[in-house]
């Protein structure tokens, strides 16, 4: 058999090499495409996991900042409010007493116990403003101060937890949180003032400058 001329063999070899090279390049391109696709899918999954983790962290932070009160009034629910100038007035359900500021004549204390229904009504009012959560009592901005001023100091027991609030009346424009607590105090005080025990206390004399 006659052999092909050398120049023909050389051209044929180069042609085969080109074909093989093209196949290799195609395969390499396909492999790289699959790698990039896998990286993209992995990145999406990782992004989704990070988003889920961030959402979970956000939920935990929100839960820790907000305390929910029990729906029904706990058996250990009690509270005390000291209010007025120098906080000389007090309503204390722990002791079952009420103290009235007589100003020039000091103060007077008597026994006064709220009914179960009255305690439930007060607890419901506390639920409505979620008294268990952190409140803001300092206005922004502070425009002016007033003197004399009273203060409200709350101590509340709910399911063994002690909740305290201190509201200063020195600010001319109280915050919305302060207004809620003052309204609650007025509601409780309105109940107290309707009781015969409170009505029997002496009248206050004098005033605060």
N, C-alpha and C. Protein backbone atom coordinates (compact mmCIF):
# COMPACT_ATOMS: atom_id res chain seq x y z
N UNK A 1 0.86 -1.19 0.00
CA UNK A 1 0.00 0.00 0.00
C UNK A 1 0.88 1.23 0.00
N UNK A 2 0.49 2.18 -0.80
CA UNK A 2 1.27 3.40 -0.88
C UNK A 2 1.05 4.26 0.34
N UNK A 3 2.07 4.74 0.91
CA UNK A 3 1.96 5.63 2.07
C UNK A 3 1.61 7.03 1.62
N UNK A 4 0.87 7.71 2.47
CA UNK A 4 0.54 9.10 2.17
C UNK A 4 1.78 9.93 2.25
N UNK A 5 1.81 10.93 1.48
CA UNK A 5 2.97 11.82 1.56
C UNK A 5 3.09 12.40 2.96
N UNK A 6 4.32 12.70 3.37
CA UNK A 6 4.61 13.18 4.72
C UNK A 6 3.84 14.44 5.04
N UNK A 7 3.70 15.34 4.03
CA UNK A 7 3.03 16.60 4.31
C UNK A 7 1.56 16.38 4.58
N UNK A 8 0.98 15.31 3.94
CA UNK A 8 -0.44 15.00 4.18
C UNK A 8 -0.61 14.47 5.59
N UNK A 9 0.34 13.57 6.03
CA UNK A 9 0.27 13.02 7.39
C UNK A 9 0.35 14.13 8.41
N UNK A 10 1.24 15.07 8.17
CA UNK A 10 1.41 16.18 9.11
C UNK A 10 0.15 16.99 9.23
N UNK A 11 -0.46 17.30 8.11
CA UNK A 11 -1.72 18.06 8.14
C UNK A 11 -2.82 17.30 8.85
N UNK A 12 -2.85 15.97 8.60
CA UNK A 12 -3.89 15.15 9.23
C UNK A 12 -3.71 15.15 10.74
N UNK A 13 -2.48 15.03 11.21
CA UNK A 13 -2.20 15.03 12.65
C UNK A 13 -2.62 16.33 13.28
N UNK A 14 -2.29 17.44 12.60
CA UNK A 14 -2.68 18.74 13.13
C UNK A 14 -4.19 18.88 13.20
N UNK A 15 -4.86 18.33 12.18
CA UNK A 15 -6.33 18.40 12.14
C UNK A 15 -6.94 17.64 13.31
N UNK A 16 -6.38 16.44 13.55
CA UNK A 16 -6.87 15.63 14.67
C UNK A 16 -6.64 16.34 15.99
N UNK A 17 -5.46 16.97 16.10
CA UNK A 17 -5.14 17.68 17.33
C UNK A 17 -6.09 18.84 17.56
N UNK A 18 -6.41 19.52 16.45
CA UNK A 18 -7.36 20.64 16.56
C UNK A 18 -8.72 20.13 17.01
N UNK A 19 -9.16 19.02 16.42
CA UNK A 19 -10.46 18.44 16.79
C UNK A 19 -10.46 18.03 18.25
N UNK A 20 -9.39 17.31 18.64
CA UNK A 20 -9.30 16.87 20.03
C UNK A 20 -9.26 18.07 20.97
N UNK A 21 -8.50 19.10 20.57
CA UNK A 21 -8.43 20.31 21.39
C UNK A 21 -9.77 20.97 21.53
N UNK A 22 -10.55 20.97 20.45
CA UNK A 22 -11.89 21.56 20.52
C UNK A 22 -12.79 20.80 21.47
N UNK A 23 -12.69 19.46 21.43
CA UNK A 23 -13.48 18.63 22.36
C UNK A 23 -13.08 18.91 23.79
N UNK A 24 -11.75 19.02 24.01
CA UNK A 24 -11.25 19.29 25.36
C UNK A 24 -11.74 20.63 25.86
N UNK A 25 -11.66 21.63 24.96
CA UNK A 25 -12.12 22.97 25.35
C UNK A 25 -13.61 22.97 25.68
N UNK A 26 -14.38 22.25 24.87
CA UNK A 26 -15.82 22.16 25.13
C UNK A 26 -16.09 21.49 26.47
N UNK A 27 -15.38 20.38 26.71
CA UNK A 27 -15.55 19.68 27.99
C UNK A 27 -15.13 20.56 29.16
N UNK A 28 -14.01 21.26 28.99
CA UNK A 28 -13.53 22.15 30.05
C UNK A 28 -14.53 23.27 30.32
N UNK A 29 -15.09 23.80 29.22
CA UNK A 29 -16.09 24.87 29.38
C UNK A 29 -17.32 24.36 30.12
N UNK A 30 -17.74 23.12 29.80
CA UNK A 30 -18.90 22.52 30.47
C UNK A 30 -18.62 22.30 31.94
N UNK A 31 -17.42 21.82 32.25
CA UNK A 31 -17.03 21.57 33.64
C UNK A 31 -17.02 22.86 34.44
N UNK A 32 -16.43 23.91 33.83
CA UNK A 32 -16.38 25.21 34.51
C UNK A 32 -17.78 25.76 34.75
N UNK A 33 -18.66 25.57 33.75
CA UNK A 33 -20.05 26.04 33.89
C UNK A 33 -20.74 25.33 35.05
N UNK A 34 -20.52 24.01 35.16
CA UNK A 34 -21.12 23.25 36.25
C UNK A 34 -20.57 23.69 37.60
N UNK A 35 -19.26 23.99 37.64
CA UNK A 35 -18.65 24.46 38.89
C UNK A 35 -19.26 25.78 39.33
N UNK A 36 -19.36 26.73 38.36
CA UNK A 36 -19.92 28.04 38.69
C UNK A 36 -21.39 27.93 39.12
N UNK A 37 -22.13 27.01 38.45
CA UNK A 37 -23.54 26.81 38.80
C UNK A 37 -23.66 26.26 40.22
N UNK A 38 -22.79 25.30 40.55
CA UNK A 38 -22.80 24.71 41.90
C UNK A 38 -22.48 25.76 42.95
N UNK A 39 -21.47 26.61 42.65
CA UNK A 39 -21.10 27.67 43.59
C UNK A 39 -22.26 28.64 43.79
N UNK A 40 -22.95 28.96 42.67
CA UNK A 40 -24.09 29.88 42.76
C UNK A 40 -25.21 29.31 43.61
N UNK A 41 -25.52 28.00 43.39
CA UNK A 41 -26.57 27.36 44.18
C UNK A 41 -26.19 27.29 45.65
N UNK A 42 -24.92 26.97 45.91
CA UNK A 42 -24.44 26.91 47.29
C UNK A 42 -24.53 28.27 47.96
N UNK A 43 -24.19 29.32 47.18
CA UNK A 43 -24.28 30.68 47.72
C UNK A 43 -25.70 31.06 48.06
N UNK A 44 -26.65 30.67 47.21
CA UNK A 44 -28.07 30.96 47.48
C UNK A 44 -28.54 30.26 48.73
N UNK A 45 -28.12 28.96 48.86
CA UNK A 45 -28.51 28.22 50.06
C UNK A 45 -27.93 28.85 51.31
N UNK A 46 -26.64 29.26 51.20
CA UNK A 46 -25.98 29.89 52.36
C UNK A 46 -26.67 31.20 52.72
N UNK A 47 -27.03 31.98 51.66
CA UNK A 47 -27.71 33.26 51.89
C UNK A 47 -29.05 33.03 52.57
N UNK A 48 -29.75 31.96 52.11
CA UNK A 48 -31.04 31.64 52.72
C UNK A 48 -30.89 31.26 54.17
N UNK A 49 -29.83 30.47 54.48
CA UNK A 49 -29.59 30.08 55.87
C UNK A 49 -29.26 31.28 56.73
N UNK A 50 -28.43 32.19 56.18
CA UNK A 50 -28.08 33.39 56.94
C UNK A 50 -29.30 34.25 57.20
N UNK A 51 -30.20 34.35 56.20
CA UNK A 51 -31.42 35.15 56.38
C UNK A 51 -32.31 34.53 57.45
N UNK A 52 -32.44 33.18 57.40
CA UNK A 52 -33.24 32.49 58.43
C UNK A 52 -32.64 32.71 59.81
N UNK A 53 -31.29 32.65 59.88
CA UNK A 53 -30.61 32.85 61.16
C UNK A 53 -30.84 34.26 61.67
N UNK A 54 -30.73 35.25 60.76
CA UNK A 54 -30.95 36.64 61.15
C UNK A 54 -32.37 36.86 61.63
N UNK A 55 -33.34 36.22 60.94
CA UNK A 55 -34.74 36.34 61.36
C UNK A 55 -34.95 35.74 62.73
N UNK A 56 -34.28 34.60 62.99
CA UNK A 56 -34.42 33.94 64.28
C UNK A 56 -33.83 34.79 65.39
N UNK A 57 -32.65 35.40 65.10
CA UNK A 57 -32.02 36.29 66.08
C UNK A 57 -32.92 37.47 66.37
N UNK A 58 -33.52 38.04 65.31
CA UNK A 58 -34.42 39.19 65.48
C UNK A 58 -35.61 38.82 66.34
N UNK A 59 -36.16 37.61 66.13
CA UNK A 59 -37.30 37.16 66.93
C UNK A 59 -36.90 37.03 68.40
N UNK A 60 -35.70 36.47 68.64
CA UNK A 60 -35.24 36.29 70.02
C UNK A 60 -35.03 37.62 70.71
N UNK A 61 -34.46 38.61 69.98
CA UNK A 61 -34.24 39.94 70.56
C UNK A 61 -35.55 40.59 70.91
N UNK A 62 -36.53 40.50 69.98
CA UNK A 62 -37.83 41.10 70.24
C UNK A 62 -38.51 40.43 71.43
N UNK A 63 -38.36 39.11 71.55
CA UNK A 63 -38.98 38.39 72.65
C UNK A 63 -38.37 38.80 73.98
N UNK A 64 -37.05 39.02 74.00
CA UNK A 64 -36.38 39.36 75.25
C UNK A 64 -36.73 40.76 75.71
N UNK A 65 -37.09 41.66 74.75
CA UNK A 65 -37.40 43.04 75.11
C UNK A 65 -38.85 43.23 75.50
N UNK A 66 -39.68 42.28 75.20
CA UNK A 66 -41.11 42.40 75.47
C UNK A 66 -41.55 41.29 76.41
N UNK A 67 -42.08 41.65 77.57
CA UNK A 67 -42.57 40.67 78.53
C UNK A 67 -44.09 40.64 78.45
N UNK A 68 -44.64 39.46 78.26
CA UNK A 68 -46.08 39.32 78.17
C UNK A 68 -46.65 38.95 79.52
N UNK A 69 -47.73 39.63 79.90
CA UNK A 69 -48.39 39.34 81.17
C UNK A 69 -49.33 38.15 80.99
N UNK A 70 -49.52 37.34 82.02
CA UNK A 70 -50.49 36.25 81.95
C UNK A 70 -51.88 36.78 81.65
N UNK A 71 -52.65 36.02 80.90
CA UNK A 71 -54.00 36.46 80.54
C UNK A 71 -54.87 36.62 81.78
N UNK A 72 -54.82 35.64 82.66
CA UNK A 72 -55.62 35.69 83.90
C UNK A 72 -54.77 36.24 85.04
N UNK A 73 -55.41 36.96 85.93
CA UNK A 73 -54.69 37.56 87.07
C UNK A 73 -54.09 36.47 87.95
N UNK A 74 -52.77 36.48 88.16
CA UNK A 74 -52.14 35.48 89.02
C UNK A 74 -52.59 35.64 90.48
N UNK A 75 -52.48 34.56 91.23
CA UNK A 75 -52.91 34.60 92.64
C UNK A 75 -52.01 35.48 93.49
N UNK A 76 -50.77 35.70 93.04
CA UNK A 76 -49.84 36.51 93.85
C UNK A 76 -49.81 37.98 93.41
N UNK A 77 -50.74 38.37 92.55
CA UNK A 77 -50.75 39.75 92.05
C UNK A 77 -51.03 40.75 93.17
N UNK A 78 -50.12 41.67 93.36
CA UNK A 78 -50.27 42.77 94.32
C UNK A 78 -49.46 43.95 93.82
N UNK A 79 -49.74 45.12 94.35
CA UNK A 79 -49.00 46.31 93.93
C UNK A 79 -49.04 47.39 95.01
N UNK A 80 -48.12 48.32 94.87
CA UNK A 80 -48.14 49.51 95.71
C UNK A 80 -47.81 50.71 94.84
N UNK A 81 -48.44 51.85 95.15
CA UNK A 81 -48.15 53.11 94.46
C UNK A 81 -47.88 54.16 95.51
N UNK A 82 -46.73 54.77 95.41
CA UNK A 82 -46.43 55.96 96.21
C UNK A 82 -46.45 57.14 95.25
N UNK A 83 -47.18 58.19 95.61
CA UNK A 83 -47.32 59.29 94.65
C UNK A 83 -47.53 60.62 95.35
N UNK A 84 -47.44 61.68 94.55
CA UNK A 84 -47.56 63.03 95.08
C UNK A 84 -46.20 63.64 95.40
N UNK A 85 -46.23 64.84 95.96
CA UNK A 85 -45.00 65.52 96.37
C UNK A 85 -44.35 64.71 97.49
N UNK A 86 -43.09 64.37 97.32
CA UNK A 86 -42.34 63.54 98.26
C UNK A 86 -42.94 62.13 98.41
N UNK A 87 -43.82 61.77 97.53
CA UNK A 87 -44.44 60.42 97.50
C UNK A 87 -45.06 60.03 98.85
N UNK A 88 -45.76 60.97 99.47
CA UNK A 88 -46.33 60.71 100.80
C UNK A 88 -47.67 59.98 100.75
N UNK A 89 -48.32 59.99 99.59
CA UNK A 89 -49.54 59.19 99.43
C UNK A 89 -49.15 57.77 99.02
N UNK A 90 -49.90 56.80 99.52
CA UNK A 90 -49.58 55.42 99.14
C UNK A 90 -50.84 54.56 99.14
N UNK A 91 -50.92 53.73 98.10
CA UNK A 91 -51.93 52.67 98.03
C UNK A 91 -51.15 51.36 98.01
N UNK A 92 -51.38 50.50 98.99
CA UNK A 92 -50.55 49.31 99.17
C UNK A 92 -51.43 48.08 99.36
N UNK A 93 -51.54 47.26 98.32
CA UNK A 93 -52.37 46.06 98.43
C UNK A 93 -51.61 44.91 99.09
N UNK A 94 -50.28 45.01 99.18
CA UNK A 94 -49.50 44.01 99.91
C UNK A 94 -49.91 44.02 101.39
N UNK A 95 -50.03 45.23 101.93
CA UNK A 95 -50.37 45.41 103.35
C UNK A 95 -51.87 45.63 103.56
N UNK A 96 -52.58 45.93 102.46
CA UNK A 96 -54.00 46.24 102.59
C UNK A 96 -54.22 47.57 103.29
N UNK A 97 -53.40 48.57 102.92
CA UNK A 97 -53.49 49.88 103.57
C UNK A 97 -53.46 51.00 102.53
N UNK A 98 -53.91 52.18 102.97
CA UNK A 98 -53.81 53.39 102.17
C UNK A 98 -53.32 54.51 103.08
N UNK A 99 -52.40 55.32 102.56
CA UNK A 99 -51.85 56.44 103.33
C UNK A 99 -52.15 57.75 102.61
N UNK A 100 -52.62 58.72 103.38
CA UNK A 100 -52.98 60.02 102.81
C UNK A 100 -52.01 61.09 103.31
N UNK A 101 -51.54 61.92 102.39
CA UNK A 101 -50.67 63.04 102.75
C UNK A 101 -51.53 64.17 103.30
N UNK A 102 -51.33 64.50 104.58
CA UNK A 102 -52.08 65.59 105.20
C UNK A 102 -51.32 66.91 105.12
N UNK A 103 -50.20 66.90 104.47
CA UNK A 103 -49.32 68.06 104.22
C UNK A 103 -48.85 68.66 105.55
N UNK A 104 -49.51 69.68 106.06
CA UNK A 104 -49.06 70.34 107.30
C UNK A 104 -49.19 69.44 108.51
N UNK A 105 -50.11 68.49 108.48
CA UNK A 105 -50.35 67.60 109.62
C UNK A 105 -49.73 66.22 109.45
N UNK A 106 -48.77 66.09 108.56
CA UNK A 106 -48.11 64.79 108.39
C UNK A 106 -48.88 63.88 107.44
N UNK A 107 -49.18 62.69 107.90
CA UNK A 107 -49.90 61.71 107.07
C UNK A 107 -50.77 60.83 107.96
N UNK A 108 -51.73 60.16 107.33
CA UNK A 108 -52.63 59.26 108.06
C UNK A 108 -52.79 57.97 107.26
N UNK A 109 -52.78 56.85 107.95
CA UNK A 109 -52.88 55.54 107.30
C UNK A 109 -54.07 54.77 107.86
N UNK A 110 -54.77 54.08 106.97
CA UNK A 110 -55.89 53.24 107.40
C UNK A 110 -55.89 51.94 106.62
N UNK A 111 -56.56 50.95 107.16
CA UNK A 111 -56.68 49.67 106.46
C UNK A 111 -57.71 49.80 105.35
N UNK A 112 -57.37 49.30 104.18
CA UNK A 112 -58.30 49.33 103.05
C UNK A 112 -57.93 48.19 102.10
N UNK A 113 -58.86 47.29 101.91
CA UNK A 113 -58.62 46.11 101.07
C UNK A 113 -59.53 46.17 99.85
N UNK A 114 -58.94 46.09 98.68
CA UNK A 114 -59.71 46.09 97.44
C UNK A 114 -60.35 44.72 97.22
N UNK A 115 -61.51 44.71 96.56
CA UNK A 115 -62.21 43.46 96.29
C UNK A 115 -61.50 42.69 95.16
N UNK A 116 -61.85 41.43 95.04
CA UNK A 116 -61.29 40.60 93.97
C UNK A 116 -61.62 41.19 92.60
N UNK A 117 -62.85 41.66 92.45
CA UNK A 117 -63.28 42.25 91.18
C UNK A 117 -62.51 43.53 90.87
N UNK A 118 -62.28 44.34 91.87
CA UNK A 118 -61.51 45.58 91.67
C UNK A 118 -60.06 45.27 91.29
N UNK A 119 -59.49 44.25 91.91
CA UNK A 119 -58.12 43.86 91.58
C UNK A 119 -58.04 43.35 90.13
N UNK A 120 -59.05 42.60 89.71
CA UNK A 120 -59.08 42.10 88.33
C UNK A 120 -59.19 43.24 87.33
N UNK A 121 -60.02 44.23 87.66
CA UNK A 121 -60.17 45.40 86.78
C UNK A 121 -58.84 46.15 86.64
N UNK A 122 -58.15 46.32 87.76
CA UNK A 122 -56.86 47.02 87.74
C UNK A 122 -55.83 46.21 86.96
N UNK A 123 -55.84 44.88 87.15
CA UNK A 123 -54.91 44.02 86.41
C UNK A 123 -55.16 44.13 84.90
N UNK A 124 -56.43 44.18 84.53
CA UNK A 124 -56.78 44.31 83.11
C UNK A 124 -56.27 45.64 82.54
N UNK A 125 -56.38 46.70 83.34
CA UNK A 125 -55.85 48.00 82.91
C UNK A 125 -54.33 47.92 82.71
N UNK A 126 -53.67 47.20 83.59
CA UNK A 126 -52.22 47.03 83.46
C UNK A 126 -51.88 46.22 82.21
N UNK A 127 -52.71 45.23 81.90
CA UNK A 127 -52.50 44.44 80.69
C UNK A 127 -52.61 45.31 79.45
N UNK A 128 -53.58 46.21 79.45
CA UNK A 128 -53.84 47.05 78.27
C UNK A 128 -52.63 47.91 77.90
N UNK A 129 -51.84 48.29 78.90
CA UNK A 129 -50.64 49.10 78.61
C UNK A 129 -49.36 48.27 78.76
N UNK A 130 -49.53 46.97 78.97
CA UNK A 130 -48.40 46.05 79.18
C UNK A 130 -47.40 46.65 80.16
N UNK A 131 -47.83 46.75 81.39
CA UNK A 131 -47.01 47.39 82.43
C UNK A 131 -45.73 46.62 82.73
N UNK A 132 -45.64 45.38 82.25
CA UNK A 132 -44.45 44.56 82.51
C UNK A 132 -43.27 44.93 81.62
N UNK A 133 -43.50 45.66 80.53
CA UNK A 133 -42.39 45.98 79.62
C UNK A 133 -41.70 47.28 80.01
N UNK A 134 -40.52 47.47 79.45
CA UNK A 134 -39.73 48.68 79.73
C UNK A 134 -40.44 49.90 79.15
N UNK A 135 -40.47 50.98 79.93
CA UNK A 135 -41.13 52.22 79.52
C UNK A 135 -40.12 53.36 79.41
N UNK A 136 -40.53 54.40 78.71
CA UNK A 136 -39.69 55.59 78.55
C UNK A 136 -40.37 56.77 79.22
N UNK A 137 -39.71 57.34 80.23
CA UNK A 137 -40.32 58.42 81.01
C UNK A 137 -39.60 59.76 80.87
N UNK A 138 -38.53 59.80 80.11
CA UNK A 138 -37.81 61.06 79.89
C UNK A 138 -38.14 61.59 78.51
N UNK A 139 -38.79 62.75 78.42
CA UNK A 139 -39.18 63.28 77.11
C UNK A 139 -37.98 63.73 76.28
N UNK A 140 -38.16 63.71 74.97
CA UNK A 140 -37.14 64.20 74.04
C UNK A 140 -37.81 65.14 73.05
N UNK A 141 -37.45 66.42 73.00
CA UNK A 141 -36.50 67.08 73.90
C UNK A 141 -37.16 67.50 75.21
N UNK A 142 -36.36 67.89 76.18
CA UNK A 142 -36.88 68.41 77.45
C UNK A 142 -37.02 69.93 77.30
N UNK A 143 -38.26 70.40 77.29
CA UNK A 143 -38.50 71.83 77.05
C UNK A 143 -38.48 72.66 78.33
N UNK A 144 -39.01 72.09 79.43
CA UNK A 144 -39.01 72.85 80.68
C UNK A 144 -39.27 71.92 81.86
N UNK A 145 -39.04 72.45 83.07
CA UNK A 145 -39.28 71.73 84.31
C UNK A 145 -40.31 72.50 85.13
N UNK A 146 -40.94 71.80 86.06
CA UNK A 146 -41.93 72.45 86.93
C UNK A 146 -41.69 72.07 88.39
N UNK A 147 -41.96 73.03 89.27
CA UNK A 147 -41.81 72.85 90.71
C UNK A 147 -43.00 73.50 91.42
N UNK A 148 -43.48 72.92 92.53
CA UNK A 148 -43.09 71.59 93.03
C UNK A 148 -43.63 70.50 92.11
N UNK A 149 -43.08 69.33 92.20
CA UNK A 149 -43.56 68.24 91.37
C UNK A 149 -43.70 66.97 92.20
N UNK A 150 -44.60 66.16 91.76
CA UNK A 150 -44.80 64.87 92.42
C UNK A 150 -44.04 63.76 91.69
N UNK A 151 -44.07 62.60 92.26
CA UNK A 151 -43.48 61.41 91.65
C UNK A 151 -44.40 60.23 91.87
N UNK A 152 -44.40 59.32 90.94
CA UNK A 152 -45.14 58.06 91.07
C UNK A 152 -44.15 56.91 91.09
N UNK A 153 -44.20 56.11 92.14
CA UNK A 153 -43.34 54.93 92.21
C UNK A 153 -44.20 53.69 92.37
N UNK A 154 -44.09 52.79 91.39
CA UNK A 154 -44.88 51.56 91.38
C UNK A 154 -44.00 50.36 91.75
N UNK A 155 -44.61 49.45 92.49
CA UNK A 155 -44.01 48.13 92.72
C UNK A 155 -45.11 47.11 92.51
N UNK A 156 -44.88 46.18 91.60
CA UNK A 156 -45.92 45.22 91.21
C UNK A 156 -45.33 43.81 91.23
N UNK A 157 -46.08 42.87 91.78
CA UNK A 157 -45.68 41.46 91.77
C UNK A 157 -46.63 40.70 90.85
N UNK A 158 -46.06 40.03 89.85
CA UNK A 158 -46.84 39.20 88.92
C UNK A 158 -46.08 37.89 88.72
N UNK A 159 -46.69 36.79 89.14
CA UNK A 159 -46.06 35.46 89.00
C UNK A 159 -44.64 35.42 89.58
N UNK A 160 -44.49 36.01 90.74
CA UNK A 160 -43.19 35.99 91.41
C UNK A 160 -42.19 37.00 90.89
N UNK A 161 -42.53 37.72 89.83
CA UNK A 161 -41.64 38.73 89.26
C UNK A 161 -41.99 40.11 89.80
N UNK A 162 -40.97 40.88 90.15
CA UNK A 162 -41.17 42.24 90.66
C UNK A 162 -40.96 43.25 89.53
N UNK A 163 -41.95 44.09 89.32
CA UNK A 163 -41.91 45.12 88.28
C UNK A 163 -41.94 46.47 88.97
N UNK A 164 -41.03 47.36 88.61
CA UNK A 164 -40.99 48.68 89.23
C UNK A 164 -41.00 49.77 88.15
N UNK A 165 -41.63 50.88 88.48
CA UNK A 165 -41.64 52.05 87.60
C UNK A 165 -41.53 53.30 88.46
N UNK A 166 -40.74 54.26 88.01
CA UNK A 166 -40.61 55.54 88.70
C UNK A 166 -40.82 56.65 87.68
N UNK A 167 -41.87 57.44 87.89
CA UNK A 167 -42.23 58.52 86.98
C UNK A 167 -42.09 59.85 87.70
N UNK A 168 -41.24 60.71 87.17
CA UNK A 168 -41.07 62.04 87.76
C UNK A 168 -42.03 63.03 87.11
N UNK A 169 -42.65 63.86 87.96
CA UNK A 169 -43.56 64.88 87.46
C UNK A 169 -42.88 66.20 87.17
N UNK A 170 -41.54 66.20 87.14
CA UNK A 170 -40.82 67.47 86.95
C UNK A 170 -40.85 67.96 85.52
N UNK A 171 -41.16 67.07 84.57
CA UNK A 171 -41.18 67.48 83.17
C UNK A 171 -42.52 68.12 82.81
N UNK A 172 -42.46 69.26 82.11
CA UNK A 172 -43.70 69.95 81.72
C UNK A 172 -44.51 69.12 80.74
N UNK A 173 -43.83 68.35 79.90
CA UNK A 173 -44.51 67.54 78.89
C UNK A 173 -44.13 66.07 79.09
N UNK A 174 -44.94 65.31 79.83
CA UNK A 174 -44.62 63.90 80.08
C UNK A 174 -44.72 63.07 78.81
N UNK A 175 -44.02 61.97 78.78
CA UNK A 175 -44.08 61.06 77.63
C UNK A 175 -45.42 60.32 77.62
N UNK A 176 -45.70 59.66 76.51
CA UNK A 176 -46.95 58.90 76.41
C UNK A 176 -46.97 57.76 77.42
N UNK A 177 -45.80 57.14 77.67
CA UNK A 177 -45.73 56.08 78.68
C UNK A 177 -46.05 56.63 80.07
N UNK A 178 -45.50 57.81 80.38
CA UNK A 178 -45.76 58.44 81.68
C UNK A 178 -47.25 58.76 81.83
N UNK A 179 -47.86 59.25 80.77
CA UNK A 179 -49.29 59.58 80.81
C UNK A 179 -50.13 58.34 81.09
N UNK A 180 -49.74 57.20 80.49
CA UNK A 180 -50.48 55.96 80.72
C UNK A 180 -50.43 55.53 82.19
N UNK A 181 -49.25 55.63 82.79
CA UNK A 181 -49.11 55.24 84.20
C UNK A 181 -49.83 56.22 85.12
N UNK A 182 -49.81 57.49 84.78
CA UNK A 182 -50.52 58.49 85.60
C UNK A 182 -52.03 58.26 85.51
N UNK A 183 -52.52 57.95 84.31
CA UNK A 183 -53.95 57.64 84.15
C UNK A 183 -54.32 56.40 84.94
N UNK A 184 -53.44 55.40 84.95
CA UNK A 184 -53.70 54.19 85.73
C UNK A 184 -53.74 54.51 87.22
N UNK A 185 -52.81 55.32 87.68
CA UNK A 185 -52.81 55.72 89.09
C UNK A 185 -54.10 56.47 89.44
N UNK A 186 -54.53 57.37 88.57
CA UNK A 186 -55.77 58.11 88.82
C UNK A 186 -56.98 57.17 88.87
N UNK A 187 -56.96 56.14 88.01
CA UNK A 187 -58.05 55.15 88.02
C UNK A 187 -58.10 54.42 89.36
N UNK A 188 -56.94 53.98 89.83
CA UNK A 188 -56.88 53.27 91.11
C UNK A 188 -57.27 54.21 92.26
N UNK A 189 -56.77 55.44 92.20
CA UNK A 189 -57.06 56.40 93.27
C UNK A 189 -58.54 56.76 93.31
N UNK A 190 -59.18 56.77 92.15
CA UNK A 190 -60.62 57.03 92.09
C UNK A 190 -61.40 55.95 92.84
N UNK A 191 -60.96 54.70 92.69
CA UNK A 191 -61.60 53.60 93.44
C UNK A 191 -61.39 53.79 94.93
N UNK A 192 -60.17 54.14 95.31
CA UNK A 192 -59.83 54.32 96.73
C UNK A 192 -60.65 55.44 97.35
N UNK A 193 -60.77 56.57 96.65
CA UNK A 193 -61.48 57.73 97.20
C UNK A 193 -62.97 57.48 97.38
N UNK A 194 -63.49 56.46 96.70
CA UNK A 194 -64.92 56.14 96.86
C UNK A 194 -65.20 55.28 98.09
N UNK A 195 -64.15 54.80 98.75
CA UNK A 195 -64.29 53.91 99.90
C UNK A 195 -64.52 54.71 101.19
N UNK A 196 -65.35 54.17 102.07
CA UNK A 196 -65.62 54.83 103.35
C UNK A 196 -64.35 54.95 104.19
N UNK A 197 -63.48 53.95 104.11
CA UNK A 197 -62.24 53.98 104.90
C UNK A 197 -61.40 55.22 104.55
N UNK A 198 -61.35 55.53 103.27
CA UNK A 198 -60.57 56.70 102.86
C UNK A 198 -61.29 57.99 103.24
N UNK A 199 -62.58 57.99 103.08
CA UNK A 199 -63.37 59.19 103.41
C UNK A 199 -63.26 59.54 104.89
N UNK A 200 -62.99 58.55 105.71
CA UNK A 200 -62.90 58.79 107.16
C UNK A 200 -61.58 59.44 107.58
N UNK A 201 -60.61 59.50 106.67
CA UNK A 201 -59.32 60.11 107.00
C UNK A 201 -59.45 61.63 107.10
N UNK A 202 -58.60 62.27 107.92
CA UNK A 202 -58.66 63.74 108.09
C UNK A 202 -58.39 64.47 106.78
N UNK A 203 -58.87 65.69 106.71
CA UNK A 203 -58.61 66.54 105.55
C UNK A 203 -57.16 67.04 105.58
N UNK A 204 -56.62 67.21 104.39
CA UNK A 204 -55.26 67.77 104.30
C UNK A 204 -55.29 69.27 104.57
N UNK A 205 -54.24 69.77 105.20
CA UNK A 205 -54.15 71.20 105.50
C UNK A 205 -52.86 71.77 104.91
N UNK A 206 -52.99 72.94 104.30
CA UNK A 206 -51.81 73.58 103.73
C UNK A 206 -51.59 73.17 102.29
N UNK A 207 -50.41 73.40 101.80
CA UNK A 207 -50.07 73.08 100.42
C UNK A 207 -48.57 73.12 100.21
N UNK A 208 -48.16 72.85 98.98
CA UNK A 208 -46.74 72.85 98.64
C UNK A 208 -46.45 74.03 97.71
N UNK A 209 -45.41 74.79 98.05
CA UNK A 209 -45.04 75.95 97.23
C UNK A 209 -44.13 75.52 96.09
